[in-house]
Each structure stands twice: as structure tokens, then as C-alpha cells.
Amino acid sequence: RVITFNIDSQEVMTEDNVPCSIDGVVFFRID
């Protein structure tokens, strides 16, 4: 089935030198 898991918050420095924390979610399945 489609499996969902969270991407842990990542500390990212953007191109314009702004630090921020970004997280997300991934949806995948086994083919």
C-alpha cells in the first residue's frame, strides 16, 4: 500500500543566506 512518513525538520541556509527549518512528507509504495 501507499506508505507515508515525515521528513524530519532540516536546518537549511537558502541562497539569500536566510536560515530556516523545513520539514515535509513523502508518499511511496512498493512496486
PDB file of all heavy atoms in Angstrom:
ATOM      1  N   ARG A   1       0.834  -1.201   0.000  1.00  0.00           N
ATOM      2  CA  ARG A   1       0.000   0.000   0.000  1.00  0.00           C
ATOM      3  C   ARG A   1       0.870   1.253   0.000  1.00  0.00           C
ATOM      4  O   ARG A   1       2.090   1.186   0.182  1.00  0.00           O
ATOM      5  CB  ARG A   1      -0.907  -0.002   1.231  1.00  0.00           C
ATOM      6  CG  ARG A   1      -1.955  -1.094   1.240  1.00  0.00           C
ATOM      7  CD  ARG A   1      -2.738  -1.090   2.544  1.00  0.00           C
ATOM      8  NE  ARG A   1      -1.891  -1.432   3.683  1.00  0.00           N
ATOM      9  CZ  ARG A   1      -2.332  -1.531   4.934  1.00  0.00           C
ATOM     10  NH1 ARG A   1      -3.618  -1.295   5.198  1.00  0.00           N
ATOM     11  NH2 ARG A   1      -1.511  -1.862   5.901  1.00  0.00           N
ATOM     12  N   VAL A   2       0.234   2.403  -0.198  1.00  0.00           N
ATOM     13  CA  VAL A   2       0.964   3.668  -0.141  1.00  0.00           C
ATOM     14  C   VAL A   2       1.385   3.919   1.301  1.00  0.00           C
ATOM     15  O   VAL A   2       0.569   3.905   2.222  1.00  0.00           O
ATOM     16  CB  VAL A   2       0.095   4.828  -0.662  1.00  0.00           C
ATOM     17  CG1 VAL A   2       0.823   6.164  -0.486  1.00  0.00           C
ATOM     18  CG2 VAL A   2      -0.248   4.612  -2.131  1.00  0.00           C
ATOM     19  N   ILE A   3       2.662   4.162   1.477  1.00  0.00           N
ATOM     20  CA  ILE A   3       3.237   4.380   2.808  1.00  0.00           C
ATOM     21  C   ILE A   3       3.606   5.855   2.939  1.00  0.00           C
ATOM     22  O   ILE A   3       4.132   6.469   2.004  1.00  0.00           O
ATOM     23  CB  ILE A   3       4.465   3.485   3.031  1.00  0.00           C
ATOM     24  CG1 ILE A   3       4.072   2.018   2.848  1.00  0.00           C
ATOM     25  CG2 ILE A   3       5.075   3.724   4.405  1.00  0.00           C
ATOM     26  CD1 ILE A   3       5.253   1.071   2.876  1.00  0.00           C
ATOM     27  N   THR A   4       3.347   6.409   4.105  1.00  0.00           N
ATOM     28  CA  THR A   4       3.617   7.818   4.371  1.00  0.00           C
ATOM     29  C   THR A   4       4.552   7.941   5.562  1.00  0.00           C
ATOM     30  O   THR A   4       4.362   7.264   6.568  1.00  0.00           O
ATOM     31  CB  THR A   4       2.315   8.573   4.674  1.00  0.00           C
ATOM     32  OG1 THR A   4       1.396   8.387   3.592  1.00  0.00           O
ATOM     33  CG2 THR A   4       2.578  10.060   4.829  1.00  0.00           C
ATOM     34  N   PHE A   5       5.548   8.798   5.435  1.00  0.00           N
ATOM     35  CA  PHE A   5       6.394   9.103   6.587  1.00  0.00           C
ATOM     36  C   PHE A   5       6.851  10.554   6.490  1.00  0.00           C
ATOM     37  O   PHE A   5       6.942  11.131   5.407  1.00  0.00           O
ATOM     38  CB  PHE A   5       7.592   8.154   6.690  1.00  0.00           C
ATOM     39  CG  PHE A   5       8.604   8.315   5.591  1.00  0.00           C
ATOM     40  CD1 PHE A   5       9.630   9.257   5.693  1.00  0.00           C
ATOM     41  CD2 PHE A   5       8.559   7.529   4.464  1.00  0.00           C
ATOM     42  CE1 PHE A   5      10.558   9.403   4.685  1.00  0.00           C
ATOM     43  CE2 PHE A   5       9.477   7.667   3.452  1.00  0.00           C
ATOM     44  CZ  PHE A   5      10.486   8.610   3.563  1.00  0.00           C
ATOM     45  N   ASN A   6       7.134  11.129   7.635  1.00  0.00           N
ATOM     46  CA  ASN A   6       7.531  12.529   7.717  1.00  0.00           C
ATOM     47  C   ASN A   6       9.038  12.675   7.506  1.00  0.00           C
ATOM     48  O   ASN A   6       9.824  11.838   7.949  1.00  0.00           O
ATOM     49  CB  ASN A   6       7.149  13.128   9.070  1.00  0.00           C
ATOM     50  CG  ASN A   6       5.649  13.224   9.249  1.00  0.00           C
ATOM     51  OD1 ASN A   6       4.912  13.493   8.297  1.00  0.00           O
ATOM     52  ND2 ASN A   6       5.175  12.991  10.460  1.00  0.00           N
ATOM     53  N   ILE A   7       9.402  13.763   6.843  1.00  0.00           N
ATOM     54  CA  ILE A   7      10.807  14.160   6.743  1.00  0.00           C
ATOM     55  C   ILE A   7      11.113  15.044   7.944  1.00  0.00           C
ATOM     56  O   ILE A   7      10.472  16.083   8.135  1.00  0.00           O
ATOM     57  CB  ILE A   7      11.087  14.920   5.432  1.00  0.00           C
ATOM     58  CG1 ILE A   7      10.662  14.088   4.225  1.00  0.00           C
ATOM     59  CG2 ILE A   7      12.552  15.278   5.333  1.00  0.00           C
ATOM     60  CD1 ILE A   7      10.793  14.822   2.904  1.00  0.00           C
ATOM     61  N   ASP A   8      12.056  14.633   8.761  1.00  0.00           N
ATOM     62  CA  ASP A   8      12.393  15.412   9.947  1.00  0.00           C
ATOM     63  C   ASP A   8      12.823  16.824   9.561  1.00  0.00           C
ATOM     64  O   ASP A   8      13.373  17.062   8.466  1.00  0.00           O
ATOM     65  CB  ASP A   8      13.512  14.727  10.729  1.00  0.00           C
ATOM     66  CG  ASP A   8      13.055  13.392  11.295  1.00  0.00           C
ATOM     67  OD1 ASP A   8      11.838  13.221  11.490  1.00  0.00           O
ATOM     68  OD2 ASP A   8      13.922  12.517  11.518  1.00  0.00           O
ATOM     69  N   SER A   9      12.574  17.764  10.467  1.00  0.00           N
ATOM     70  CA  SER A   9      12.901  19.159  10.206  1.00  0.00           C
ATOM     71  C   SER A   9      14.396  19.313   9.920  1.00  0.00           C
ATOM     72  O   SER A   9      15.241  18.843  10.684  1.00  0.00           O
ATOM     73  CB  SER A   9      12.497  20.017  11.403  1.00  0.00           C
ATOM     74  OG  SER A   9      12.796  21.369  11.164  1.00  0.00           O
ATOM     75  N   GLN A  10      14.708  19.984   8.808  1.00  0.00           N
ATOM     76  CA  GLN A  10      16.079  20.170   8.378  1.00  0.00           C
ATOM     77  C   GLN A  10      16.463  21.649   8.446  1.00  0.00           C
ATOM     78  O   GLN A  10      15.708  22.519   7.994  1.00  0.00           O
ATOM     79  CB  GLN A  10      16.263  19.668   6.938  1.00  0.00           C
ATOM     80  CG  GLN A  10      15.891  18.209   6.731  1.00  0.00           C
ATOM     81  CD  GLN A  10      16.785  17.275   7.492  1.00  0.00           C
ATOM     82  OE1 GLN A  10      18.012  17.339   7.395  1.00  0.00           O
ATOM     83  NE2 GLN A  10      16.183  16.383   8.289  1.00  0.00           N
ATOM     84  N   GLU A  11      17.649  21.927   8.980  1.00  0.00           N
ATOM     85  CA  GLU A  11      18.165  23.289   9.008  1.00  0.00           C
ATOM     86  C   GLU A  11      18.776  23.601   7.647  1.00  0.00           C
ATOM     87  O   GLU A  11      19.742  22.957   7.233  1.00  0.00           O
ATOM     88  CB  GLU A  11      19.217  23.437  10.106  1.00  0.00           C
ATOM     89  CG  GLU A  11      18.665  23.264  11.516  1.00  0.00           C
ATOM     90  CD  GLU A  11      17.739  24.410  11.915  1.00  0.00           C
ATOM     91  OE1 GLU A  11      17.878  25.512  11.343  1.00  0.00           O
ATOM     92  OE2 GLU A  11      16.880  24.191  12.792  1.00  0.00           O
ATOM     93  N   VAL A  12      18.202  24.571   6.967  1.00  0.00           N
ATOM     94  CA  VAL A  12      18.609  24.903   5.600  1.00  0.00           C
ATOM     95  C   VAL A  12      19.018  26.368   5.546  1.00  0.00           C
ATOM     96  O   VAL A  12      18.351  27.233   6.115  1.00  0.00           O
ATOM     97  CB  VAL A  12      17.462  24.631   4.603  1.00  0.00           C
ATOM     98  CG1 VAL A  12      17.887  25.004   3.192  1.00  0.00           C
ATOM     99  CG2 VAL A  12      17.041  23.173   4.657  1.00  0.00           C
ATOM    100  N   MET A  13      20.119  26.641   4.836  1.00  0.00           N
ATOM    101  CA  MET A  13      20.542  28.006   4.550  1.00  0.00           C
ATOM    102  C   MET A  13      20.209  28.292   3.083  1.00  0.00           C
ATOM    103  O   MET A  13      20.768  27.683   2.176  1.00  0.00           O
ATOM    104  CB  MET A  13      22.043  28.175   4.789  1.00  0.00           C
ATOM    105  CG  MET A  13      22.546  29.591   4.560  1.00  0.00           C
ATOM    106  SD  MET A  13      21.918  30.775   5.759  1.00  0.00           S
ATOM    107  CE  MET A  13      22.817  30.253   7.224  1.00  0.00           C
ATOM    108  N   THR A  14      19.262  29.185   2.853  1.00  0.00           N
ATOM    109  CA  THR A  14      18.807  29.477   1.499  1.00  0.00           C
ATOM    110  C   THR A  14      19.880  30.238   0.708  1.00  0.00           C
ATOM    111  O   THR A  14      20.905  30.644   1.250  1.00  0.00           O
ATOM    112  CB  THR A  14      17.508  30.288   1.533  1.00  0.00           C
ATOM    113  OG1 THR A  14      17.761  31.539   2.189  1.00  0.00           O
ATOM    114  CG2 THR A  14      16.436  29.531   2.296  1.00  0.00           C
ATOM    115  N   GLU A  15      19.604  30.440  -0.563  1.00  0.00           N
ATOM    116  CA  GLU A  15      20.566  31.120  -1.433  1.00  0.00           C
ATOM    117  C   GLU A  15      20.806  32.563  -1.003  1.00  0.00           C
ATOM    118  O   GLU A  15      21.902  33.099  -1.182  1.00  0.00           O
ATOM    119  CB  GLU A  15      20.074  31.079  -2.882  1.00  0.00           C
ATOM    120  CG  GLU A  15      21.122  31.541  -3.887  1.00  0.00           C
ATOM    121  CD  GLU A  15      20.619  31.440  -5.313  1.00  0.00           C
ATOM    122  OE1 GLU A  15      19.387  31.461  -5.492  1.00  0.00           O
ATOM    123  OE2 GLU A  15      21.442  31.336  -6.236  1.00  0.00           O
ATOM    124  N   ASP A  16      19.780  33.217  -0.430  1.00  0.00           N
ATOM    125  CA  ASP A  16      19.940  34.585   0.055  1.00  0.00           C
ATOM    126  C   ASP A  16      20.341  34.628   1.534  1.00  0.00           C
ATOM    127  O   ASP A  16      20.090  35.624   2.225  1.00  0.00           O
ATOM    128  CB  ASP A  16      18.661  35.385  -0.169  1.00  0.00           C
ATOM    129  CG  ASP A  16      17.426  34.665   0.351  1.00  0.00           C
ATOM    130  OD1 ASP A  16      17.545  33.483   0.715  1.00  0.00           O
ATOM    131  OD2 ASP A  16      16.355  35.277   0.400  1.00  0.00           O
ATOM    132  N   ASN A  17      20.961  33.546   2.015  1.00  0.00           N
ATOM    133  CA  ASN A  17      21.554  33.477   3.360  1.00  0.00           C
ATOM    134  C   ASN A  17      20.537  33.697   4.481  1.00  0.00           C
ATOM    135  O   ASN A  17      20.785  34.437   5.437  1.00  0.00           O
ATOM    136  CB  ASN A  17      22.692  34.499   3.491  1.00  0.00           C
ATOM    137  CG  ASN A  17      23.828  34.230   2.520  1.00  0.00           C
ATOM    138  OD1 ASN A  17      24.166  33.084   2.250  1.00  0.00           O
ATOM    139  ND2 ASN A  17      24.396  35.295   1.966  1.00  0.00           N
ATOM    140  N   VAL A  18      19.396  33.045   4.360  1.00  0.00           N
ATOM    141  CA  VAL A  18      18.377  33.086   5.407  1.00  0.00           C
ATOM    142  C   VAL A  18      18.276  31.687   6.011  1.00  0.00           C
ATOM    143  O   VAL A  18      17.918  30.738   5.318  1.00  0.00           O
ATOM    144  CB  VAL A  18      17.007  33.527   4.850  1.00  0.00           C
ATOM    145  CG1 VAL A  18      15.956  33.504   5.957  1.00  0.00           C
ATOM    146  CG2 VAL A  18      17.105  34.914   4.235  1.00  0.00           C
ATOM    147  N   PRO A  19      18.567  31.519   7.318  1.00  0.00           N
ATOM    148  CA  PRO A  19      18.429  30.193   7.941  1.00  0.00           C
ATOM    149  C   PRO A  19      16.967  29.885   8.237  1.00  0.00           C
ATOM    150  O   PRO A  19      16.217  30.728   8.711  1.00  0.00           O
ATOM    151  CB  PRO A  19      19.242  30.339   9.236  1.00  0.00           C
ATOM    152  CG  PRO A  19      19.159  31.795   9.558  1.00  0.00           C
ATOM    153  CD  PRO A  19      19.095  32.535   8.244  1.00  0.00           C
ATOM    154  N   CYS A  20      16.555  28.669   7.961  1.00  0.00           N
ATOM    155  CA  CYS A  20      15.175  28.260   8.227  1.00  0.00           C
ATOM    156  C   CYS A  20      15.126  26.752   8.441  1.00  0.00           C
ATOM    157  O   CYS A  20      16.027  26.025   8.019  1.00  0.00           O
ATOM    158  CB  CYS A  20      14.239  28.668   7.082  1.00  0.00           C
ATOM    159  SG  CYS A  20      14.707  28.034   5.467  1.00  0.00           S
ATOM    160  N   SER A  21      14.070  26.309   9.101  1.00  0.00           N
ATOM    161  CA  SER A  21      13.851  24.884   9.349  1.00  0.00           C
ATOM    162  C   SER A  21      12.673  24.420   8.498  1.00  0.00           C
ATOM    163  O   SER A  21      11.590  24.996   8.577  1.00  0.00           O
ATOM    164  CB  SER A  21      13.564  24.637  10.830  1.00  0.00           C
ATOM    165  OG  SER A  21      14.663  25.038  11.623  1.00  0.00           O
ATOM    166  N   ILE A  22      12.898  23.377   7.709  1.00  0.00           N
ATOM    167  CA  ILE A  22      11.883  22.905   6.759  1.00  0.00           C
ATOM    168  C   ILE A  22      11.666  21.411   6.979  1.00  0.00           C
ATOM    169  O   ILE A  22      12.623  20.646   7.107  1.00  0.00           O
ATOM    170  CB  ILE A  22      12.318  23.160   5.305  1.00  0.00           C
ATOM    171  CG1 ILE A  22      12.663  24.631   5.094  1.00  0.00           C
ATOM    172  CG2 ILE A  22      11.239  22.728   4.332  1.00  0.00           C
ATOM    173  CD1 ILE A  22      13.217  24.947   3.719  1.00  0.00           C
ATOM    174  N   ASP A  23      10.407  21.008   7.037  1.00  0.00           N
ATOM    175  CA  ASP A  23      10.082  19.588   7.085  1.00  0.00           C
ATOM    176  C   ASP A  23       9.060  19.274   6.005  1.00  0.00           C
ATOM    177  O   ASP A  23       8.499  20.175   5.378  1.00  0.00           O
ATOM    178  CB  ASP A  23       9.573  19.172   8.465  1.00  0.00           C
ATOM    179  CG  ASP A  23       8.323  19.950   8.866  1.00  0.00           C
ATOM    180  OD1 ASP A  23       7.806  20.697   8.037  1.00  0.00           O
ATOM    181  OD2 ASP A  23       7.870  19.796  10.010  1.00  0.00           O
ATOM    182  N   GLY A  24       8.831  17.993   5.790  1.00  0.00           N
ATOM    183  CA  GLY A  24       7.917  17.587   4.717  1.00  0.00           C
ATOM    184  C   GLY A  24       7.378  16.196   4.950  1.00  0.00           C
ATOM    185  O   GLY A  24       7.529  15.605   6.027  1.00  0.00           O
ATOM    186  N   VAL A  25       6.754  15.658   3.913  1.00  0.00           N
ATOM    187  CA  VAL A  25       6.167  14.318   3.989  1.00  0.00           C
ATOM    188  C   VAL A  25       6.355  13.636   2.631  1.00  0.00           C
ATOM    189  O   VAL A  25       6.287  14.290   1.590  1.00  0.00           O
ATOM    190  CB  VAL A  25       4.672  14.407   4.369  1.00  0.00           C
ATOM    191  CG1 VAL A  25       3.890  15.210   3.346  1.00  0.00           C
ATOM    192  CG2 VAL A  25       4.067  13.024   4.532  1.00  0.00           C
ATOM    193  N   VAL A  26       6.606  12.331   2.672  1.00  0.00           N
ATOM    194  CA  VAL A  26       6.846  11.531   1.464  1.00  0.00           C
ATOM    195  C   VAL A  26       5.789  10.447   1.368  1.00  0.00           C
ATOM    196  O   VAL A  26       5.460   9.786   2.364  1.00  0.00           O
ATOM    197  CB  VAL A  26       8.252  10.900   1.485  1.00  0.00           C
ATOM    198  CG1 VAL A  26       8.473  10.037   0.247  1.00  0.00           C
ATOM    199  CG2 VAL A  26       9.322  11.973   1.566  1.00  0.00           C
ATOM    200  N   PHE A  27       5.259  10.264   0.153  1.00  0.00           N
ATOM    201  CA  PHE A  27       4.294   9.202  -0.131  1.00  0.00           C
ATOM    202  C   PHE A  27       4.928   8.254  -1.150  1.00  0.00           C
ATOM    203  O   PHE A  27       5.331   8.690  -2.236  1.00  0.00           O
ATOM    204  CB  PHE A  27       2.997   9.777  -0.705  1.00  0.00           C
ATOM    205  CG  PHE A  27       2.328  10.795   0.179  1.00  0.00           C
ATOM    206  CD1 PHE A  27       2.669  12.134   0.099  1.00  0.00           C
ATOM    207  CD2 PHE A  27       1.360  10.414   1.087  1.00  0.00           C
ATOM    208  CE1 PHE A  27       2.056  13.076   0.904  1.00  0.00           C
ATOM    209  CE2 PHE A  27       0.735  11.340   1.901  1.00  0.00           C
ATOM    210  CZ  PHE A  27       1.093  12.676   1.804  1.00  0.00           C
ATOM    211  N   PHE A  28       5.018   6.955  -0.812  1.00  0.00           N
ATOM    212  CA  PHE A  28       5.610   5.993  -1.735  1.00  0.00           C
ATOM    213  C   PHE A  28       4.922   4.642  -1.572  1.00  0.00           C
ATOM    214  O   PHE A  28       4.203   4.405  -0.589  1.00  0.00           O
ATOM    215  CB  PHE A  28       7.115   5.861  -1.491  1.00  0.00           C
ATOM    216  CG  PHE A  28       7.476   5.142  -0.226  1.00  0.00           C
ATOM    217  CD1 PHE A  28       7.750   3.780  -0.231  1.00  0.00           C
ATOM    218  CD2 PHE A  28       7.542   5.815   0.980  1.00  0.00           C
ATOM    219  CE1 PHE A  28       8.069   3.101   0.937  1.00  0.00           C
ATOM    220  CE2 PHE A  28       7.865   5.151   2.151  1.00  0.00           C
ATOM    221  CZ  PHE A  28       8.127   3.788   2.124  1.00  0.00           C
ATOM    222  N   ARG A  29       5.174   3.756  -2.522  1.00  0.00           N
ATOM    223  CA  ARG A  29       4.651   2.396  -2.447  1.00  0.00           C
ATOM    224  C   ARG A  29       5.652   1.430  -3.072  1.00  0.00           C
ATOM    225  O   ARG A  29       6.491   1.827  -3.893  1.00  0.00           O
ATOM    226  CB  ARG A  29       3.286   2.282  -3.144  1.00  0.00           C
ATOM    227  CG  ARG A  29       3.312   2.535  -4.625  1.00  0.00           C
ATOM    228  CD  ARG A  29       1.926   2.405  -5.230  1.00  0.00           C
ATOM    229  NE  ARG A  29       1.922   2.673  -6.663  1.00  0.00           N
ATOM    230  CZ  ARG A  29       2.177   1.750  -7.592  1.00  0.00           C
ATOM    231  NH1 ARG A  29       2.448   0.493  -7.234  1.00  0.00           N
ATOM    232  NH2 ARG A  29       2.161   2.069  -8.869  1.00  0.00           N
ATOM    233  N   ILE A  30       5.526   0.162  -2.690  1.00  0.00           N
ATOM    234  CA  ILE A  30       6.426  -0.875  -3.185  1.00  0.00           C
ATOM    235  C   ILE A  30       5.845  -1.453  -4.475  1.00  0.00           C
ATOM    236  O   ILE A  30       4.739  -2.003  -4.476  1.00  0.00           O
ATOM    237  CB  ILE A  30       6.607  -2.000  -2.141  1.00  0.00           C
ATOM    238  CG1 ILE A  30       7.070  -1.422  -0.806  1.00  0.00           C
ATOM    239  CG2 ILE A  30       7.586  -3.029  -2.650  1.00  0.00           C
ATOM    240  CD1 ILE A  30       8.386  -0.724  -0.860  1.00  0.00           C
ATOM    241  N   ASP A  31       6.566  -1.306  -5.567  1.00  0.00           N
ATOM    242  CA  ASP A  31       6.121  -1.849  -6.848  1.00  0.00           C
ATOM    243  C   ASP A  31       6.700  -3.239  -7.098  1.00  0.00           C
ATOM    244  O   ASP A  31       6.068  -4.088  -7.708  1.00  0.00           O
ATOM    245  CB  ASP A  31       6.522  -0.901  -7.978  1.00  0.00           C
ATOM    246  CG  ASP A  31       6.032  -1.368  -9.329  1.00  0.00           C
ATOM    247  OD1 ASP A  31       4.801  -1.517  -9.492  1.00  0.00           O
ATOM    248  OD2 ASP A  31       6.875  -1.606 -10.222  1.00  0.00           O
TER     249      ASP A  31
END
